[in-house]
């Protein structure tokens, strides 16, 4: 199968085209479609990963269903037969990779929870001994499990820019202390519930990010949830602190790009077939382990 790099639905108004998702207006709601685009180091790569958008959508749906008792989410339906008849000719393209979602006023921060020290958090710790203004114990190794999960919010970057880790106090200045406190509480609870489930399935969730919004009914969980794009998934049976870990996420792509010494400037390079297949296999395996089901692309 070929990768779906861009959608075209002239019957609907395009609201935005992000690194992965194309979003359209639909009768007061939004139609959110996960393409097969993949980004790394804040650039969309020239090569897509066939079926990746379906994996992201179905994993998010799994978690949305699992978390309904904790926080409402924006999902209305992900069933193609629920769509209006004017979209019938797009059903084959949409099946498995779309969500019809509620409109919400999204908070302009990413709610990051870290259970292990890795990625940008590791780099910040090596440089300052802190992550997002939180002082950590000295002597931690890369990939060490933290004594308890920490909440380290980030600003949402514009296209081509880096997300910036910020302190909780700065988050309070941006959205208000009451909202910030509630999002911190929800994020940590969701992470802990997800990490507990994933570990029984053989996956360690090193860190993840959530995005929340508000409607007249209150706070809801939006965007995607606990996917290989928004999280670091490590195979539990290969975990060994003190180094980078094998992963089910796009770290595999990042490692390839580092190995070819890409300067992280546009244009982004293409990926060879073996890296495309390796990435696809990792995403599908994450879905299988977490849900207990096999996803047919």
C-alpha atoms as a PDB file:
ATOM      1  CA  UNK A   1       0.000   0.000   0.000  1.00  0.00           C
ATOM      2  CA  UNK A   2       1.055   3.573  -0.603  1.00  0.00           C
ATOM      3  CA  UNK A   3       1.405   6.196   2.087  1.00  0.00           C
ATOM      4  CA  UNK A   4      -1.344   8.832   2.260  1.00  0.00           C
ATOM      5  CA  UNK A   5       0.602  12.085   2.417  1.00  0.00           C
ATOM      6  CA  UNK A   6      -2.232  14.558   1.878  1.00  0.00           C
ATOM      7  CA  UNK A   7      -6.016  14.548   1.762  1.00  0.00           C
ATOM      8  CA  UNK A   8      -8.268  16.489  -0.578  1.00  0.00           C
ATOM      9  CA  UNK A   9     -11.943  16.819   0.342  1.00  0.00           C
ATOM     10  CA  UNK A  10     -13.385  19.696  -1.708  1.00  0.00           C
ATOM     11  CA  UNK A  11     -16.828  19.181  -0.143  1.00  0.00           C
ATOM     12  CA  UNK A  12     -15.466  20.501   3.171  1.00  0.00           C
ATOM     13  CA  UNK A  13     -13.511  23.565   4.259  1.00  0.00           C
ATOM     14  CA  UNK A  14      -9.916  22.788   5.250  1.00  0.00           C
ATOM     15  CA  UNK A  15      -9.183  24.284   8.672  1.00  0.00           C
ATOM     16  CA  UNK A  16      -5.552  23.270   9.038  1.00  0.00           C
ATOM     17  CA  UNK A  17      -2.901  20.897   7.771  1.00  0.00           C
ATOM     18  CA  UNK A  18      -0.472  19.975  10.525  1.00  0.00           C
ATOM     19  CA  UNK A  19       2.552  17.739  10.703  1.00  0.00           C
ATOM     20  CA  UNK A  20       0.311  14.673  10.610  1.00  0.00           C
ATOM     21  CA  UNK A  21      -3.377  15.656  10.647  1.00  0.00           C
ATOM     22  CA  UNK A  22      -5.605  17.372   8.114  1.00  0.00           C
ATOM     23  CA  UNK A  23      -8.618  19.012   9.778  1.00  0.00           C
ATOM     24  CA  UNK A  24     -11.848  20.012   8.042  1.00  0.00           C
ATOM     25  CA  UNK A  25     -15.076  21.676   9.181  1.00  0.00           C
ATOM     26  CA  UNK A  26     -18.099  19.362   9.283  1.00  0.00           C
ATOM     27  CA  UNK A  27     -21.505  20.703  10.347  1.00  0.00           C
ATOM     28  CA  UNK A  28     -20.164  22.561  13.364  1.00  0.00           C
ATOM     29  CA  UNK A  29     -17.785  19.748  14.299  1.00  0.00           C
ATOM     30  CA  UNK A  30     -14.318  18.905  12.989  1.00  0.00           C
ATOM     31  CA  UNK A  31     -13.222  16.025  10.791  1.00  0.00           C
ATOM     32  CA  UNK A  32      -9.702  15.094  11.889  1.00  0.00           C
ATOM     33  CA  UNK A  33      -7.811  12.822   9.491  1.00  0.00           C
ATOM     34  CA  UNK A  34      -4.461  11.246  10.388  1.00  0.00           C
ATOM     35  CA  UNK A  35      -2.245  11.077   7.313  1.00  0.00           C
ATOM     36  CA  UNK A  36       0.816   8.854   6.955  1.00  0.00           C
ATOM     37  CA  UNK A  37       3.186  11.821   7.168  1.00  0.00           C
ATOM     38  CA  UNK A  38       5.978  11.513   9.708  1.00  0.00           C
ATOM     39  CA  UNK A  39       7.983  14.331  11.233  1.00  0.00           C
ATOM     40  CA  UNK A  40      11.299  14.386  13.042  1.00  0.00           C
ATOM     41  CA  UNK A  41      13.286  17.269  14.468  1.00  0.00           C
ATOM     42  CA  UNK A  42      10.344  19.565  13.629  1.00  0.00           C
ATOM     43  CA  UNK A  43      10.383  18.764   9.910  1.00  0.00           C
ATOM     44  CA  UNK A  44       7.949  16.683   7.866  1.00  0.00           C
ATOM     45  CA  UNK A  45       9.968  14.025   6.077  1.00  0.00           C
ATOM     46  CA  UNK A  46       9.712  13.417   2.348  1.00  0.00           C
ATOM     47  CA  UNK A  47       8.643   9.796   2.887  1.00  0.00           C
ATOM     48  CA  UNK A  48       5.495   8.643   4.651  1.00  0.00           C
ATOM     49  CA  UNK A  49       4.871   5.453   6.633  1.00  0.00           C
ATOM     50  CA  UNK A  50       1.998   3.489   4.993  1.00  0.00           C
ATOM     51  CA  UNK A  51      -0.860   2.939   7.431  1.00  0.00           C
ATOM     52  CA  UNK A  52       0.663   5.051  10.191  1.00  0.00           C
ATOM     53  CA  UNK A  53      -2.379   7.333  10.369  1.00  0.00           C
ATOM     54  CA  UNK A  54      -4.632   4.339  10.969  1.00  0.00           C
ATOM     55  CA  UNK A  55      -2.422   3.137  13.815  1.00  0.00           C
ATOM     56  CA  UNK A  56      -2.478   6.576  15.460  1.00  0.00           C
ATOM     57  CA  UNK A  57      -6.249   6.858  15.135  1.00  0.00           C
ATOM     58  CA  UNK A  58      -7.003   3.389  16.454  1.00  0.00           C
ATOM     59  CA  UNK A  59      -4.588   3.635  19.388  1.00  0.00           C
ATOM     60  CA  UNK A  60      -6.065   7.027  20.328  1.00  0.00           C
ATOM     61  CA  UNK A  61      -9.572   5.575  20.123  1.00  0.00           C
ATOM     62  CA  UNK A  62      -8.491   2.704  22.392  1.00  0.00           C
ATOM     63  CA  UNK A  63      -7.269   5.137  25.057  1.00  0.00           C
ATOM     64  CA  UNK A  64     -10.245   7.491  24.688  1.00  0.00           C
ATOM     65  CA  UNK A  65     -12.545   4.546  25.374  1.00  0.00           C
ATOM     66  CA  UNK A  66     -10.408   3.457  28.335  1.00  0.00           C
ATOM     67  CA  UNK A  67     -10.349   6.922  29.928  1.00  0.00           C
ATOM     68  CA  UNK A  68     -14.037   7.845  29.647  1.00  0.00           C
ATOM     69  CA  UNK A  69     -14.470   7.605  33.410  1.00  0.00           C
ATOM     70  CA  UNK A  70     -11.548   9.970  34.073  1.00  0.00           C
ATOM     71  CA  UNK A  71     -12.073  12.841  31.642  1.00  0.00           C
ATOM     72  CA  UNK A  72     -14.376  13.468  28.657  1.00  0.00           C
ATOM     73  CA  UNK A  73     -12.765  13.505  25.211  1.00  0.00           C
ATOM     74  CA  UNK A  74     -13.534  15.148  21.889  1.00  0.00           C
ATOM     75  CA  UNK A  75     -14.424  11.969  19.951  1.00  0.00           C
ATOM     76  CA  UNK A  76     -17.921  11.849  18.449  1.00  0.00           C
ATOM     77  CA  UNK A  77     -17.437   8.925  16.067  1.00  0.00           C
ATOM     78  CA  UNK A  78     -14.719   7.084  14.197  1.00  0.00           C
ATOM     79  CA  UNK A  79     -17.145   4.921  12.181  1.00  0.00           C
ATOM     80  CA  UNK A  80     -17.149   5.703   8.475  1.00  0.00           C
ATOM     81  CA  UNK A  81     -20.830   4.767   8.117  1.00  0.00           C
ATOM     82  CA  UNK A  82     -21.753   7.595  10.511  1.00  0.00           C
ATOM     83  CA  UNK A  83     -20.510  10.230   8.066  1.00  0.00           C
ATOM     84  CA  UNK A  84     -22.902  12.217   5.840  1.00  0.00           C
ATOM     85  CA  UNK A  85     -23.583  10.808   2.380  1.00  0.00           C
ATOM     86  CA  UNK A  86     -21.772  13.688   0.659  1.00  0.00           C
ATOM     87  CA  UNK A  87     -18.523  12.059   1.833  1.00  0.00           C
ATOM     88  CA  UNK A  88     -19.342   8.611   0.429  1.00  0.00           C
ATOM     89  CA  UNK A  89     -16.717   8.845  -2.308  1.00  0.00           C
ATOM     90  CA  UNK A  90     -14.013   9.418   0.337  1.00  0.00           C
ATOM     91  CA  UNK A  91     -14.972   6.479   2.572  1.00  0.00           C
ATOM     92  CA  UNK A  92     -12.172   4.179   1.437  1.00  0.00           C
ATOM     93  CA  UNK A  93      -9.588   6.856   2.191  1.00  0.00           C
ATOM     94  CA  UNK A  94     -11.175   7.845   5.523  1.00  0.00           C
ATOM     95  CA  UNK A  95     -11.827   4.381   6.932  1.00  0.00           C
ATOM     96  CA  UNK A  96      -9.786   3.732  10.056  1.00  0.00           C
ATOM     97  CA  UNK A  97      -7.911   7.034  10.013  1.00  0.00           C
ATOM     98  CA  UNK A  98     -10.499   9.725  10.838  1.00  0.00           C
ATOM     99  CA  UNK A  99     -12.318  11.012  13.867  1.00  0.00           C
ATOM    100  CA  UNK A 100     -15.288  13.318  13.923  1.00  0.00           C
ATOM    101  CA  UNK A 101     -14.625  15.447  16.983  1.00  0.00           C
ATOM    102  CA  UNK A 102     -16.133  18.279  18.993  1.00  0.00           C
ATOM    103  CA  UNK A 103     -14.777  21.755  18.537  1.00  0.00           C
ATOM    104  CA  UNK A 104     -12.968  22.986  21.622  1.00  0.00           C
ATOM    105  CA  UNK A 105     -10.846  25.932  22.681  1.00  0.00           C
ATOM    106  CA  UNK A 106      -7.500  24.218  23.015  1.00  0.00           C
ATOM    107  CA  UNK A 107      -5.106  25.241  25.778  1.00  0.00           C
ATOM    108  CA  UNK A 108      -1.891  26.652  24.233  1.00  0.00           C
ATOM    109  CA  UNK A 109       0.336  24.249  26.169  1.00  0.00           C
ATOM    110  CA  UNK A 110       1.346  20.618  25.841  1.00  0.00           C
ATOM    111  CA  UNK A 111       0.907  18.584  29.007  1.00  0.00           C
ATOM    112  CA  UNK A 112       3.986  16.369  29.207  1.00  0.00           C
ATOM    113  CA  UNK A 113       4.361  13.639  31.830  1.00  0.00           C
ATOM    114  CA  UNK A 114       7.661  11.822  32.306  1.00  0.00           C
ATOM    115  CA  UNK A 115       8.038   8.550  34.151  1.00  0.00           C
ATOM    116  CA  UNK A 116      11.605   8.029  32.942  1.00  0.00           C
ATOM    117  CA  UNK A 117      14.370  10.470  32.103  1.00  0.00           C
ATOM    118  CA  UNK A 118      14.992  10.602  28.370  1.00  0.00           C
ATOM    119  CA  UNK A 119      14.975  12.837  25.318  1.00  0.00           C
ATOM    120  CA  UNK A 120      14.934  16.589  25.886  1.00  0.00           C
ATOM    121  CA  UNK A 121      14.344  15.956  29.588  1.00  0.00           C
ATOM    122  CA  UNK A 122      17.620  14.061  29.816  1.00  0.00           C
ATOM    123  CA  UNK A 123      19.431  16.850  27.981  1.00  0.00           C
ATOM    124  CA  UNK A 124      17.975  19.478  30.338  1.00  0.00           C
ATOM    125  CA  UNK A 125      18.906  17.378  33.377  1.00  0.00           C
ATOM    126  CA  UNK A 126      22.519  16.921  32.219  1.00  0.00           C
ATOM    127  CA  UNK A 127      22.816  20.669  31.664  1.00  0.00           C
ATOM    128  CA  UNK A 128      20.953  22.007  34.713  1.00  0.00           C
ATOM    129  CA  UNK A 129      19.996  19.175  37.061  1.00  0.00           C
ATOM    130  CA  UNK A 130      16.367  20.112  36.418  1.00  0.00           C
ATOM    131  CA  UNK A 131      13.519  19.411  34.013  1.00  0.00           C
ATOM    132  CA  UNK A 132      10.955  22.159  33.576  1.00  0.00           C
ATOM    133  CA  UNK A 133      12.026  23.835  36.795  1.00  0.00           C
ATOM    134  CA  UNK A 134      11.819  20.589  38.817  1.00  0.00           C
ATOM    135  CA  UNK A 135      15.065  19.785  40.635  1.00  0.00           C
ATOM    136  CA  UNK A 136      15.911  16.089  40.388  1.00  0.00           C
ATOM    137  CA  UNK A 137      18.280  13.986  42.460  1.00  0.00           C
ATOM    138  CA  UNK A 138      21.915  14.020  41.296  1.00  0.00           C
ATOM    139  CA  UNK A 139      23.476  10.993  39.644  1.00  0.00           C
ATOM    140  CA  UNK A 140      20.563   9.841  37.512  1.00  0.00           C
ATOM    141  CA  UNK A 141      21.410   7.824  34.411  1.00  0.00           C
ATOM    142  CA  UNK A 142      19.829   8.195  31.000  1.00  0.00           C
ATOM    143  CA  UNK A 143      16.537   6.237  30.884  1.00  0.00           C
ATOM    144  CA  UNK A 144      16.360   5.824  34.678  1.00  0.00           C
ATOM    145  CA  UNK A 145      12.873   5.423  36.099  1.00  0.00           C
ATOM    146  CA  UNK A 146      11.915   8.451  38.180  1.00  0.00           C
ATOM    147  CA  UNK A 147      10.722   7.927  41.764  1.00  0.00           C
ATOM    148  CA  UNK A 148       7.340   9.276  40.639  1.00  0.00           C
ATOM    149  CA  UNK A 149       6.062  10.761  37.374  1.00  0.00           C
ATOM    150  CA  UNK A 150       6.739  14.460  36.893  1.00  0.00           C
ATOM    151  CA  UNK A 151       4.700  17.035  34.983  1.00  0.00           C
ATOM    152  CA  UNK A 152       6.808  19.144  32.633  1.00  0.00           C
ATOM    153  CA  UNK A 153       4.647  21.290  30.341  1.00  0.00           C
ATOM    154  CA  UNK A 154       5.815  22.743  27.065  1.00  0.00           C
ATOM    155  CA  UNK A 155       4.749  25.525  24.774  1.00  0.00           C
ATOM    156  CA  UNK A 156       3.226  24.512  21.456  1.00  0.00           C
ATOM    157  CA  UNK A 157       5.675  25.308  18.695  1.00  0.00           C
ATOM    158  CA  UNK A 158       4.707  26.835  15.400  1.00  0.00           C
ATOM    159  CA  UNK A 159       5.657  24.787  12.336  1.00  0.00           C
ATOM    160  CA  UNK A 160       9.418  24.466  12.034  1.00  0.00           C
ATOM    161  CA  UNK A 161      10.113  25.608  15.591  1.00  0.00           C
ATOM    162  CA  UNK A 162      10.967  23.624  18.697  1.00  0.00           C
ATOM    163  CA  UNK A 163       8.606  23.038  21.609  1.00  0.00           C
ATOM    164  CA  UNK A 164      10.008  24.718  24.705  1.00  0.00           C
ATOM    165  CA  UNK A 165       9.940  23.033  28.099  1.00  0.00           C
ATOM    166  CA  UNK A 166       8.517  25.505  30.624  1.00  0.00           C
ATOM    167  CA  UNK A 167       7.995  25.565  34.371  1.00  0.00           C
ATOM    168  CA  UNK A 168       4.616  24.969  35.978  1.00  0.00           C
ATOM    169  CA  UNK A 169       4.620  28.589  37.161  1.00  0.00           C
ATOM    170  CA  UNK A 170       5.038  29.782  33.581  1.00  0.00           C
ATOM    171  CA  UNK A 171       2.151  27.534  32.542  1.00  0.00           C
ATOM    172  CA  UNK A 172       0.066  29.186  35.278  1.00  0.00           C
ATOM    173  CA  UNK A 173       0.936  32.588  33.827  1.00  0.00           C
ATOM    174  CA  UNK A 174      -0.267  31.418  30.395  1.00  0.00           C
ATOM    175  CA  UNK A 175      -3.584  29.724  31.256  1.00  0.00           C
ATOM    176  CA  UNK A 176      -4.227  30.519  34.938  1.00  0.00           C
ATOM    177  CA  UNK A 177      -3.368  28.533  38.058  1.00  0.00           C
ATOM    178  CA  UNK A 178      -6.721  26.804  38.421  1.00  0.00           C
ATOM    179  CA  UNK A 179      -6.696  25.419  34.879  1.00  0.00           C
ATOM    180  CA  UNK A 180      -2.986  24.550  35.088  1.00  0.00           C
ATOM    181  CA  UNK A 181      -3.495  22.636  38.338  1.00  0.00           C
ATOM    182  CA  UNK A 182      -6.410  20.681  36.899  1.00  0.00           C
ATOM    183  CA  UNK A 183      -4.502  19.786  33.722  1.00  0.00           C
ATOM    184  CA  UNK A 184      -1.496  18.662  35.779  1.00  0.00           C
ATOM    185  CA  UNK A 185      -3.736  16.459  37.918  1.00  0.00           C
ATOM    186  CA  UNK A 186      -5.480  14.929  34.903  1.00  0.00           C
ATOM    187  CA  UNK A 187      -2.250  14.394  32.973  1.00  0.00           C
ATOM    188  CA  UNK A 188      -0.544  12.526  35.787  1.00  0.00           C
ATOM    189  CA  UNK A 189      -3.606  10.369  36.458  1.00  0.00           C
ATOM    190  CA  UNK A 190      -3.957   9.457  32.776  1.00  0.00           C
ATOM    191  CA  UNK A 191      -0.262   8.686  32.498  1.00  0.00           C
ATOM    192  CA  UNK A 192      -0.252   6.462  35.574  1.00  0.00           C
ATOM    193  CA  UNK A 193      -3.310   4.514  34.413  1.00  0.00           C
ATOM    194  CA  UNK A 194      -1.859   4.096  30.925  1.00  0.00           C
ATOM    195  CA  UNK A 195       1.615   3.153  32.180  1.00  0.00           C
ATOM    196  CA  UNK A 196       0.143   0.484  34.444  1.00  0.00           C
ATOM    197  CA  UNK A 197      -1.848  -1.044  31.569  1.00  0.00           C
ATOM    198  CA  UNK A 198       1.044  -0.826  29.117  1.00  0.00           C
ATOM    199  CA  UNK A 199       3.520  -2.454  31.479  1.00  0.00           C
ATOM    200  CA  UNK A 200       1.269  -5.508  31.786  1.00  0.00           C
ATOM    201  CA  UNK A 201       1.406  -5.639  27.960  1.00  0.00           C
ATOM    202  CA  UNK A 202       5.206  -5.470  27.809  1.00  0.00           C
ATOM    203  CA  UNK A 203       5.578  -1.745  27.080  1.00  0.00           C
ATOM    204  CA  UNK A 204       7.136   0.933  29.276  1.00  0.00           C
ATOM    205  CA  UNK A 205       5.753   4.409  28.579  1.00  0.00           C
ATOM    206  CA  UNK A 206       8.760   6.613  29.218  1.00  0.00           C
ATOM    207  CA  UNK A 207       6.898   9.846  28.621  1.00  0.00           C
ATOM    208  CA  UNK A 208       3.893  11.213  26.778  1.00  0.00           C
ATOM    209  CA  UNK A 209       2.085  14.435  26.015  1.00  0.00           C
ATOM    210  CA  UNK A 210      -1.590  15.293  26.245  1.00  0.00           C
ATOM    211  CA  UNK A 211      -3.557  18.188  24.814  1.00  0.00           C
ATOM    212  CA  UNK A 212      -6.712  19.498  26.450  1.00  0.00           C
ATOM    213  CA  UNK A 213      -9.399  21.961  25.493  1.00  0.00           C
ATOM    214  CA  UNK A 214     -12.584  23.431  26.893  1.00  0.00           C
ATOM    215  CA  UNK A 215     -16.197  23.518  25.741  1.00  0.00           C
ATOM    216  CA  UNK A 216     -19.297  24.793  27.486  1.00  0.00           C
ATOM    217  CA  UNK A 217     -19.325  21.417  29.273  1.00  0.00           C
ATOM    218  CA  UNK A 218     -15.816  21.833  30.697  1.00  0.00           C
ATOM    219  CA  UNK A 219     -12.374  20.349  30.084  1.00  0.00           C
ATOM    220  CA  UNK A 220     -11.915  17.538  27.564  1.00  0.00           C
ATOM    221  CA  UNK A 221      -9.016  15.497  26.228  1.00  0.00           C
ATOM    222  CA  UNK A 222      -8.295  16.274  22.566  1.00  0.00           C
ATOM    223  CA  UNK A 223      -5.906  15.665  19.690  1.00  0.00           C
ATOM    224  CA  UNK A 224      -4.369  12.172  20.053  1.00  0.00           C
ATOM    225  CA  UNK A 225      -3.635  10.100  23.138  1.00  0.00           C
ATOM    226  CA  UNK A 226      -0.670   7.899  24.009  1.00  0.00           C
ATOM    227  CA  UNK A 227       0.390   7.032  20.471  1.00  0.00           C
ATOM    228  CA  UNK A 228       3.894   6.228  19.202  1.00  0.00           C
ATOM    229  CA  UNK A 229       3.945   9.785  17.813  1.00  0.00           C
ATOM    230  CA  UNK A 230       3.189  11.470  21.141  1.00  0.00           C
ATOM    231  CA  UNK A 231       4.969   9.050  23.483  1.00  0.00           C
ATOM    232  CA  UNK A 232       8.121   7.048  24.016  1.00  0.00           C
ATOM    233  CA  UNK A 233       7.230   3.338  24.085  1.00  0.00           C
ATOM    234  CA  UNK A 234      10.010   0.981  25.197  1.00  0.00           C
ATOM    235  CA  UNK A 235       9.916  -2.834  25.126  1.00  0.00           C
ATOM    236  CA  UNK A 236       9.961  -3.870  28.774  1.00  0.00           C
ATOM    237  CA  UNK A 237      12.034  -6.990  28.189  1.00  0.00           C
ATOM    238  CA  UNK A 238      14.884  -4.939  26.675  1.00  0.00           C
ATOM    239  CA  UNK A 239      14.919  -2.119  29.232  1.00  0.00           C
ATOM    240  CA  UNK A 240      18.363  -1.300  30.574  1.00  0.00           C
ATOM    241  CA  UNK A 241      18.995   2.134  32.131  1.00  0.00           C
ATOM    242  CA  UNK A 242      22.181   4.014  31.371  1.00  0.00           C
ATOM    243  CA  UNK A 243      21.652   4.215  27.615  1.00  0.00           C
ATOM    244  CA  UNK A 244      19.084   4.951  24.938  1.00  0.00           C
ATOM    245  CA  UNK A 245      16.405   2.285  24.638  1.00  0.00           C
ATOM    246  CA  UNK A 246      14.944   0.245  21.825  1.00  0.00           C
ATOM    247  CA  UNK A 247      11.524   1.666  21.039  1.00  0.00           C
ATOM    248  CA  UNK A 248       8.160   1.201  19.338  1.00  0.00           C
ATOM    249  CA  UNK A 249       7.983   4.874  18.418  1.00  0.00           C
ATOM    250  CA  UNK A 250       9.627   7.195  15.910  1.00  0.00           C
ATOM    251  CA  UNK A 251      12.920   7.223  17.789  1.00  0.00           C
ATOM    252  CA  UNK A 252      13.917   4.607  15.202  1.00  0.00           C
ATOM    253  CA  UNK A 253      13.537   7.279  12.503  1.00  0.00           C
ATOM    254  CA  UNK A 254      15.386   9.887  14.576  1.00  0.00           C
ATOM    255  CA  UNK A 255      18.272   7.447  15.059  1.00  0.00           C
ATOM    256  CA  UNK A 256      18.510   6.884  11.298  1.00  0.00           C
ATOM    257  CA  UNK A 257      18.528  10.635  10.612  1.00  0.00           C
ATOM    258  CA  UNK A 258      21.266  11.133  13.207  1.00  0.00           C
ATOM    259  CA  UNK A 259      23.277   8.312  11.642  1.00  0.00           C
ATOM    260  CA  UNK A 260      23.241   9.968   8.201  1.00  0.00           C
ATOM    261  CA  UNK A 261      24.253  13.290   9.804  1.00  0.00           C
ATOM    262  CA  UNK A 262      21.310  15.263   8.432  1.00  0.00           C
ATOM    263  CA  UNK A 263      21.750  18.921   9.375  1.00  0.00           C
ATOM    264  CA  UNK A 264      18.076  19.148  10.429  1.00  0.00           C
ATOM    265  CA  UNK A 265      17.412  21.871   7.902  1.00  0.00           C
ATOM    266  CA  UNK A 266      14.934  21.798   5.018  1.00  0.00           C
ATOM    267  CA  UNK A 267      14.559  19.971   2.783  1.00  0.00           C
ATOM    268  CA  UNK A 268      14.054  16.881   4.930  1.00  0.00           C
ATOM    269  CA  UNK A 269      15.513  13.669   3.471  1.00  0.00           C
ATOM    270  CA  UNK A 270      13.663  10.624   2.212  1.00  0.00           C
ATOM    271  CA  UNK A 271      13.698   7.381   4.172  1.00  0.00           C
ATOM    272  CA  UNK A 272      14.990   4.130   2.642  1.00  0.00           C
ATOM    273  CA  UNK A 273      12.522   1.223   2.325  1.00  0.00           C
ATOM    274  CA  UNK A 274      14.023  -0.687   5.255  1.00  0.00           C
ATOM    275  CA  UNK A 275      13.510   2.252   7.632  1.00  0.00           C
ATOM    276  CA  UNK A 276       9.937   2.720   6.381  1.00  0.00           C
ATOM    277  CA  UNK A 277       9.186  -0.970   6.946  1.00  0.00           C
ATOM    278  CA  UNK A 278      10.943  -1.004  10.321  1.00  0.00           C
ATOM    279  CA  UNK A 279       8.924   2.000  11.493  1.00  0.00           C
ATOM    280  CA  UNK A 280       5.654   0.539  10.236  1.00  0.00           C
ATOM    281  CA  UNK A 281       6.377  -2.759  12.022  1.00  0.00           C
ATOM    282  CA  UNK A 282       7.092  -0.954  15.306  1.00  0.00           C
ATOM    283  CA  UNK A 283       3.867   1.047  15.197  1.00  0.00           C
ATOM    284  CA  UNK A 284       1.799  -2.044  14.395  1.00  0.00           C
ATOM    285  CA  UNK A 285       3.471  -4.006  17.193  1.00  0.00           C
ATOM    286  CA  UNK A 286       2.709  -1.222  19.676  1.00  0.00           C
ATOM    287  CA  UNK A 287      -0.957  -1.405  18.662  1.00  0.00           C
ATOM    288  CA  UNK A 288      -1.010  -5.193  18.962  1.00  0.00           C
ATOM    289  CA  UNK A 289       0.587  -5.252  22.391  1.00  0.00           C
ATOM    290  CA  UNK A 290      -1.548  -2.454  23.856  1.00  0.00           C
ATOM    291  CA  UNK A 291      -4.917  -3.576  22.490  1.00  0.00           C
ATOM    292  CA  UNK A 292      -4.440  -7.320  22.118  1.00  0.00           C
ATOM    293  CA  UNK A 293      -5.666  -7.057  18.515  1.00  0.00           C
ATOM    294  CA  UNK A 294      -4.053  -7.084  15.086  1.00  0.00           C
ATOM    295  CA  UNK A 295      -4.633  -4.053  12.877  1.00  0.00           C
ATOM    296  CA  UNK A 296      -5.216  -4.836   9.220  1.00  0.00           C
ATOM    297  CA  UNK A 297      -3.920  -2.078   6.956  1.00  0.00           C
END
